[in-house]
């Protein structure tokens, strides 16, 4: 699955995994985000993913130059969930749009857990 941007020089196709990796890197840089979450649908278990697997826990959908991103995140204990998610949305939207040239139509955030960080 690829997203494409048409320019006067031709068409650029960006694999959705590339967008997910970039968005995951941006998300992990945001204050209050402990990491991305993997949800095991069979057992209903949530576990935190290692930093190298930044594209897991992120789903990229969309077509026609518009993206919809779904994040499954674990947030640090004691921070405002609303503030962290608003910061995540604004940072990811700005940086992904600048990086890809595609419009981010919507970002859905699923808070899968809270962790105490050392």
N, C-alpha and C. Protein backbone atom coordinates (compact mmCIF):
# COMPACT_ATOMS: atom_id res chain seq x y z
N UNK A 1 0.83 -1.17 0.00
CA UNK A 1 0.00 0.00 0.00
C UNK A 1 0.88 1.24 0.00
N UNK A 2 0.61 2.11 -0.91
CA UNK A 2 1.43 3.31 -1.03
C UNK A 2 0.54 4.53 -1.17
N UNK A 3 1.02 5.66 -0.67
CA UNK A 3 0.37 6.95 -0.89
C UNK A 3 1.17 7.65 -1.96
N UNK A 4 0.49 8.44 -2.78
CA UNK A 4 1.23 9.09 -3.85
C UNK A 4 0.93 10.58 -3.89
N UNK A 5 1.94 11.30 -4.36
CA UNK A 5 1.86 12.73 -4.56
C UNK A 5 2.20 12.99 -6.02
N UNK A 6 1.33 13.70 -6.71
CA UNK A 6 1.61 14.04 -8.10
C UNK A 6 2.21 15.44 -8.17
N UNK A 7 3.32 15.56 -8.88
CA UNK A 7 3.98 16.85 -9.09
C UNK A 7 4.07 17.11 -10.59
N UNK A 8 4.55 18.27 -10.94
CA UNK A 8 4.71 18.59 -12.36
C UNK A 8 5.81 17.74 -13.00
N UNK A 9 6.67 17.13 -12.19
CA UNK A 9 7.74 16.28 -12.71
C UNK A 9 7.37 14.80 -12.76
N UNK A 10 6.27 14.45 -12.11
CA UNK A 10 5.87 13.05 -12.09
C UNK A 10 5.19 12.69 -10.78
N UNK A 11 5.14 11.40 -10.50
CA UNK A 11 4.45 10.90 -9.32
C UNK A 11 5.45 10.37 -8.31
N UNK A 12 5.21 10.65 -7.03
CA UNK A 12 6.04 10.15 -5.94
C UNK A 12 5.17 9.20 -5.13
N UNK A 13 5.64 7.97 -4.93
CA UNK A 13 4.90 7.01 -4.13
C UNK A 13 5.66 6.74 -2.84
N UNK A 14 4.94 6.86 -1.72
CA UNK A 14 5.53 6.65 -0.41
C UNK A 14 4.83 5.47 0.24
N UNK A 15 5.60 4.46 0.60
CA UNK A 15 5.04 3.29 1.27
C UNK A 15 4.52 3.70 2.64
N UNK A 16 3.39 3.15 3.04
CA UNK A 16 2.77 3.52 4.31
C UNK A 16 3.61 3.10 5.51
N UNK A 17 4.47 2.11 5.35
CA UNK A 17 5.38 1.73 6.44
C UNK A 17 6.40 2.83 6.71
N UNK A 18 6.82 3.53 5.66
CA UNK A 18 7.76 4.64 5.82
C UNK A 18 7.10 5.76 6.61
N UNK A 19 5.85 6.06 6.29
CA UNK A 19 5.10 7.09 7.02
C UNK A 19 4.93 6.66 8.47
N UNK A 20 4.61 5.39 8.70
CA UNK A 20 4.42 4.88 10.06
C UNK A 20 5.73 4.97 10.86
N UNK A 21 6.87 4.65 10.25
CA UNK A 21 8.15 4.73 10.94
C UNK A 21 8.47 6.16 11.32
N UNK A 22 8.25 7.08 10.40
CA UNK A 22 8.54 8.49 10.68
C UNK A 22 7.60 9.02 11.77
N UNK A 23 6.31 8.71 11.65
CA UNK A 23 5.34 9.17 12.65
C UNK A 23 5.66 8.57 14.03
N UNK A 24 6.10 7.33 14.07
CA UNK A 24 6.47 6.70 15.33
C UNK A 24 7.68 7.35 15.97
N UNK A 25 8.64 7.72 15.15
CA UNK A 25 9.83 8.42 15.65
C UNK A 25 9.44 9.76 16.24
N UNK A 26 8.57 10.49 15.54
CA UNK A 26 8.10 11.79 16.03
C UNK A 26 7.33 11.59 17.34
N UNK A 27 6.47 10.59 17.39
CA UNK A 27 5.66 10.33 18.59
C UNK A 27 6.54 10.01 19.79
N UNK A 28 7.58 9.22 19.61
CA UNK A 28 8.45 8.85 20.72
C UNK A 28 9.26 10.03 21.24
N UNK A 29 9.38 11.11 20.46
CA UNK A 29 10.07 12.32 20.90
C UNK A 29 9.17 13.23 21.72
N UNK A 30 7.87 12.98 21.72
CA UNK A 30 6.91 13.84 22.42
C UNK A 30 6.96 13.58 23.93
N UNK A 31 6.87 14.65 24.70
CA UNK A 31 6.85 14.56 26.16
C UNK A 31 5.63 13.76 26.61
N UNK A 32 5.84 12.84 27.53
CA UNK A 32 4.74 12.09 28.10
C UNK A 32 4.45 10.77 27.42
N UNK A 33 5.04 10.53 26.25
CA UNK A 33 4.85 9.26 25.55
C UNK A 33 5.94 8.30 26.01
N UNK A 34 5.54 7.20 26.63
CA UNK A 34 6.50 6.19 27.07
C UNK A 34 6.89 5.30 25.90
N UNK A 35 5.93 4.99 25.05
CA UNK A 35 6.20 4.16 23.89
C UNK A 35 4.93 3.78 23.15
N UNK A 36 5.12 3.02 22.10
CA UNK A 36 3.98 2.54 21.32
C UNK A 36 3.52 1.22 21.94
N UNK A 37 2.25 0.91 21.76
CA UNK A 37 1.68 -0.29 22.34
C UNK A 37 1.29 -1.28 21.27
N UNK A 38 1.51 -2.53 21.58
CA UNK A 38 1.04 -3.62 20.72
C UNK A 38 -0.13 -4.26 21.42
N UNK A 39 -1.23 -4.40 20.71
CA UNK A 39 -2.42 -5.00 21.30
C UNK A 39 -2.60 -6.39 20.70
N UNK A 40 -2.66 -7.40 21.56
CA UNK A 40 -2.92 -8.76 21.12
C UNK A 40 -4.43 -8.95 21.15
N UNK A 41 -5.09 -8.92 19.99
CA UNK A 41 -6.54 -8.97 19.97
C UNK A 41 -7.12 -10.28 20.51
N UNK A 42 -6.37 -11.37 20.38
CA UNK A 42 -6.88 -12.66 20.82
C UNK A 42 -7.00 -12.70 22.35
N UNK A 43 -5.99 -12.16 23.03
CA UNK A 43 -5.97 -12.22 24.48
C UNK A 43 -6.29 -10.89 25.14
N UNK A 44 -6.37 -9.82 24.36
CA UNK A 44 -6.65 -8.52 24.94
C UNK A 44 -5.49 -7.93 25.74
N UNK A 45 -4.28 -8.42 25.48
CA UNK A 45 -3.11 -7.95 26.21
C UNK A 45 -2.47 -6.76 25.52
N UNK A 46 -1.96 -5.84 26.31
CA UNK A 46 -1.24 -4.69 25.79
C UNK A 46 0.18 -4.78 26.31
N UNK A 47 1.15 -4.58 25.41
CA UNK A 47 2.54 -4.56 25.86
C UNK A 47 3.27 -3.44 25.16
N UNK A 48 4.25 -2.90 25.85
CA UNK A 48 5.03 -1.80 25.29
C UNK A 48 6.06 -2.37 24.32
N UNK A 49 6.26 -1.66 23.23
CA UNK A 49 7.20 -2.11 22.21
C UNK A 49 8.54 -1.41 22.37
N UNK A 50 9.58 -2.07 21.95
CA UNK A 50 10.91 -1.50 22.01
C UNK A 50 11.01 -0.32 21.04
N UNK A 51 11.94 0.58 21.33
CA UNK A 51 12.11 1.80 20.53
C UNK A 51 12.45 1.49 19.07
N UNK A 52 13.07 0.33 18.80
CA UNK A 52 13.40 0.02 17.40
C UNK A 52 12.16 -0.30 16.58
N UNK A 53 11.09 -0.65 17.22
CA UNK A 53 9.86 -1.02 16.50
C UNK A 53 8.88 0.14 16.52
N UNK A 54 9.33 1.30 16.05
CA UNK A 54 8.51 2.50 16.14
C UNK A 54 7.29 2.47 15.23
N UNK A 55 7.29 1.64 14.21
CA UNK A 55 6.14 1.62 13.31
C UNK A 55 5.03 0.70 13.79
N UNK A 56 5.31 -0.16 14.77
CA UNK A 56 4.27 -1.02 15.32
C UNK A 56 3.41 -0.18 16.25
N UNK A 57 2.16 -0.46 16.30
CA UNK A 57 1.24 0.33 17.11
C UNK A 57 0.71 1.53 16.36
N UNK A 58 1.09 1.65 15.08
CA UNK A 58 0.63 2.75 14.23
C UNK A 58 0.02 2.18 12.97
N UNK A 59 -1.14 2.68 12.64
CA UNK A 59 -1.82 2.28 11.41
C UNK A 59 -1.96 3.51 10.52
N UNK A 60 -1.59 3.35 9.25
CA UNK A 60 -1.69 4.44 8.28
C UNK A 60 -2.70 4.04 7.22
N UNK A 61 -3.72 4.87 7.06
CA UNK A 61 -4.74 4.64 6.04
C UNK A 61 -4.90 5.93 5.24
N UNK A 62 -5.61 5.81 4.15
CA UNK A 62 -5.92 7.00 3.37
C UNK A 62 -5.60 6.84 1.92
N UNK A 63 -6.12 7.77 1.16
CA UNK A 63 -5.86 7.80 -0.28
C UNK A 63 -6.11 9.21 -0.78
N UNK A 64 -5.71 9.45 -1.99
CA UNK A 64 -5.91 10.76 -2.59
C UNK A 64 -5.13 11.87 -1.92
N UNK A 65 -3.97 11.53 -1.36
CA UNK A 65 -3.14 12.55 -0.75
C UNK A 65 -3.54 12.92 0.66
N UNK A 66 -4.49 12.20 1.26
CA UNK A 66 -4.92 12.47 2.64
C UNK A 66 -4.68 11.22 3.48
N UNK A 67 -4.14 11.43 4.67
CA UNK A 67 -3.78 10.32 5.55
C UNK A 67 -4.63 10.31 6.81
N UNK A 68 -4.89 9.12 7.31
CA UNK A 68 -5.50 8.92 8.61
C UNK A 68 -4.54 8.04 9.40
N UNK A 69 -4.10 8.53 10.56
CA UNK A 69 -3.13 7.81 11.38
C UNK A 69 -3.79 7.38 12.68
N UNK A 70 -3.59 6.12 13.06
CA UNK A 70 -4.06 5.59 14.34
C UNK A 70 -2.85 5.24 15.18
N UNK A 71 -2.77 5.78 16.39
CA UNK A 71 -1.68 5.52 17.32
C UNK A 71 -2.20 4.76 18.53
N UNK A 72 -1.51 3.71 18.92
CA UNK A 72 -1.77 3.00 20.17
C UNK A 72 -0.56 3.29 21.05
N UNK A 73 -0.78 4.10 22.10
CA UNK A 73 0.34 4.60 22.89
C UNK A 73 0.21 4.24 24.37
N UNK A 74 1.34 4.29 25.05
CA UNK A 74 1.41 4.19 26.49
C UNK A 74 1.95 5.53 26.99
N UNK A 75 1.25 6.10 27.95
CA UNK A 75 1.57 7.44 28.43
C UNK A 75 2.17 7.36 29.83
N UNK A 76 3.03 8.33 30.13
CA UNK A 76 3.68 8.39 31.45
C UNK A 76 2.66 8.71 32.53
N UNK A 77 2.83 8.07 33.67
CA UNK A 77 1.95 8.30 34.82
C UNK A 77 2.16 9.72 35.35
N UNK A 78 1.07 10.39 35.69
CA UNK A 78 1.15 11.70 36.33
C UNK A 78 1.11 12.88 35.39
N UNK A 79 1.04 12.66 34.10
CA UNK A 79 0.94 13.77 33.16
C UNK A 79 -0.50 13.87 32.65
N UNK A 80 -0.85 15.03 32.16
CA UNK A 80 -2.19 15.24 31.62
C UNK A 80 -2.32 14.49 30.29
N UNK A 81 -3.22 13.54 30.24
CA UNK A 81 -3.43 12.78 29.00
C UNK A 81 -3.85 13.71 27.87
N UNK A 82 -4.72 14.67 28.19
CA UNK A 82 -5.20 15.61 27.17
C UNK A 82 -4.04 16.45 26.61
N UNK A 83 -3.18 16.95 27.49
CA UNK A 83 -2.04 17.76 27.03
C UNK A 83 -1.08 16.94 26.18
N UNK A 84 -0.79 15.72 26.60
CA UNK A 84 0.13 14.85 25.86
C UNK A 84 -0.44 14.52 24.48
N UNK A 85 -1.72 14.17 24.42
CA UNK A 85 -2.31 13.80 23.13
C UNK A 85 -2.44 14.99 22.19
N UNK A 86 -2.76 16.18 22.73
CA UNK A 86 -2.81 17.37 21.88
C UNK A 86 -1.43 17.70 21.31
N UNK A 87 -0.39 17.56 22.15
CA UNK A 87 0.98 17.78 21.70
C UNK A 87 1.37 16.76 20.64
N UNK A 88 1.02 15.50 20.86
CA UNK A 88 1.30 14.44 19.89
C UNK A 88 0.63 14.73 18.55
N UNK A 89 -0.63 15.09 18.59
CA UNK A 89 -1.37 15.37 17.35
C UNK A 89 -0.73 16.53 16.59
N UNK A 90 -0.45 17.64 17.27
CA UNK A 90 0.10 18.80 16.55
C UNK A 90 1.49 18.53 16.00
N UNK A 91 2.35 17.85 16.79
CA UNK A 91 3.71 17.55 16.30
C UNK A 91 3.69 16.58 15.12
N UNK A 92 2.93 15.50 15.25
CA UNK A 92 2.89 14.50 14.18
C UNK A 92 2.29 15.10 12.92
N UNK A 93 1.20 15.83 13.06
CA UNK A 93 0.55 16.43 11.89
C UNK A 93 1.52 17.35 11.15
N UNK A 94 2.15 18.26 11.87
CA UNK A 94 3.07 19.21 11.24
C UNK A 94 4.26 18.50 10.58
N UNK A 95 4.90 17.59 11.33
CA UNK A 95 6.12 16.97 10.80
C UNK A 95 5.84 15.98 9.68
N UNK A 96 4.76 15.21 9.76
CA UNK A 96 4.44 14.27 8.68
C UNK A 96 4.04 15.02 7.41
N UNK A 97 3.26 16.08 7.56
CA UNK A 97 2.89 16.87 6.38
C UNK A 97 4.11 17.52 5.74
N UNK A 98 5.03 18.04 6.57
CA UNK A 98 6.26 18.64 6.03
C UNK A 98 7.15 17.60 5.35
N UNK A 99 7.24 16.42 5.94
CA UNK A 99 8.11 15.35 5.47
C UNK A 99 7.60 14.72 4.18
N UNK A 100 6.29 14.50 4.09
CA UNK A 100 5.74 13.76 2.96
C UNK A 100 5.09 14.62 1.90
N UNK A 101 4.61 15.79 2.27
CA UNK A 101 3.84 16.60 1.33
C UNK A 101 2.39 16.16 1.24
N UNK A 102 1.99 15.18 2.07
CA UNK A 102 0.62 14.69 2.09
C UNK A 102 -0.13 15.35 3.25
N UNK A 103 -1.43 15.52 3.10
CA UNK A 103 -2.25 16.11 4.15
C UNK A 103 -2.65 15.04 5.16
N UNK A 104 -2.49 15.36 6.45
CA UNK A 104 -2.96 14.48 7.51
C UNK A 104 -4.38 14.92 7.84
N UNK A 105 -5.33 14.10 7.44
CA UNK A 105 -6.74 14.43 7.62
C UNK A 105 -7.18 14.22 9.06
N UNK A 106 -6.69 13.15 9.69
CA UNK A 106 -7.15 12.79 11.02
C UNK A 106 -6.10 11.96 11.73
N UNK A 107 -5.99 12.19 13.05
CA UNK A 107 -5.11 11.37 13.89
C UNK A 107 -5.94 10.86 15.06
N UNK A 108 -6.04 9.55 15.17
CA UNK A 108 -6.75 8.91 16.27
C UNK A 108 -5.73 8.36 17.25
N UNK A 109 -5.94 8.64 18.54
CA UNK A 109 -5.02 8.16 19.55
C UNK A 109 -5.78 7.25 20.51
N UNK A 110 -5.23 6.05 20.70
CA UNK A 110 -5.79 5.08 21.62
C UNK A 110 -4.79 4.91 22.75
N UNK A 111 -5.14 5.40 23.94
CA UNK A 111 -4.25 5.27 25.10
C UNK A 111 -4.49 3.87 25.67
N UNK A 112 -3.48 3.03 25.51
CA UNK A 112 -3.59 1.63 25.89
C UNK A 112 -3.08 1.34 27.30
N UNK A 113 -2.38 2.32 27.89
CA UNK A 113 -1.89 2.09 29.22
C UNK A 113 -1.15 3.29 29.76
N UNK A 114 -0.83 3.22 31.06
CA UNK A 114 -0.08 4.26 31.75
C UNK A 114 1.07 3.56 32.46
N UNK A 115 2.25 4.14 32.38
CA UNK A 115 3.45 3.56 33.03
C UNK A 115 4.17 4.60 33.85
N UNK A 116 4.73 4.16 34.94
CA UNK A 116 5.60 5.02 35.74
C UNK A 116 6.98 4.98 35.10
N UNK A 117 7.55 6.15 34.84
CA UNK A 117 8.89 6.19 34.26
C UNK A 117 9.89 6.56 35.33
N UNK A 118 11.07 6.00 35.22
CA UNK A 118 12.12 6.21 36.24
C UNK A 118 12.79 7.53 36.05
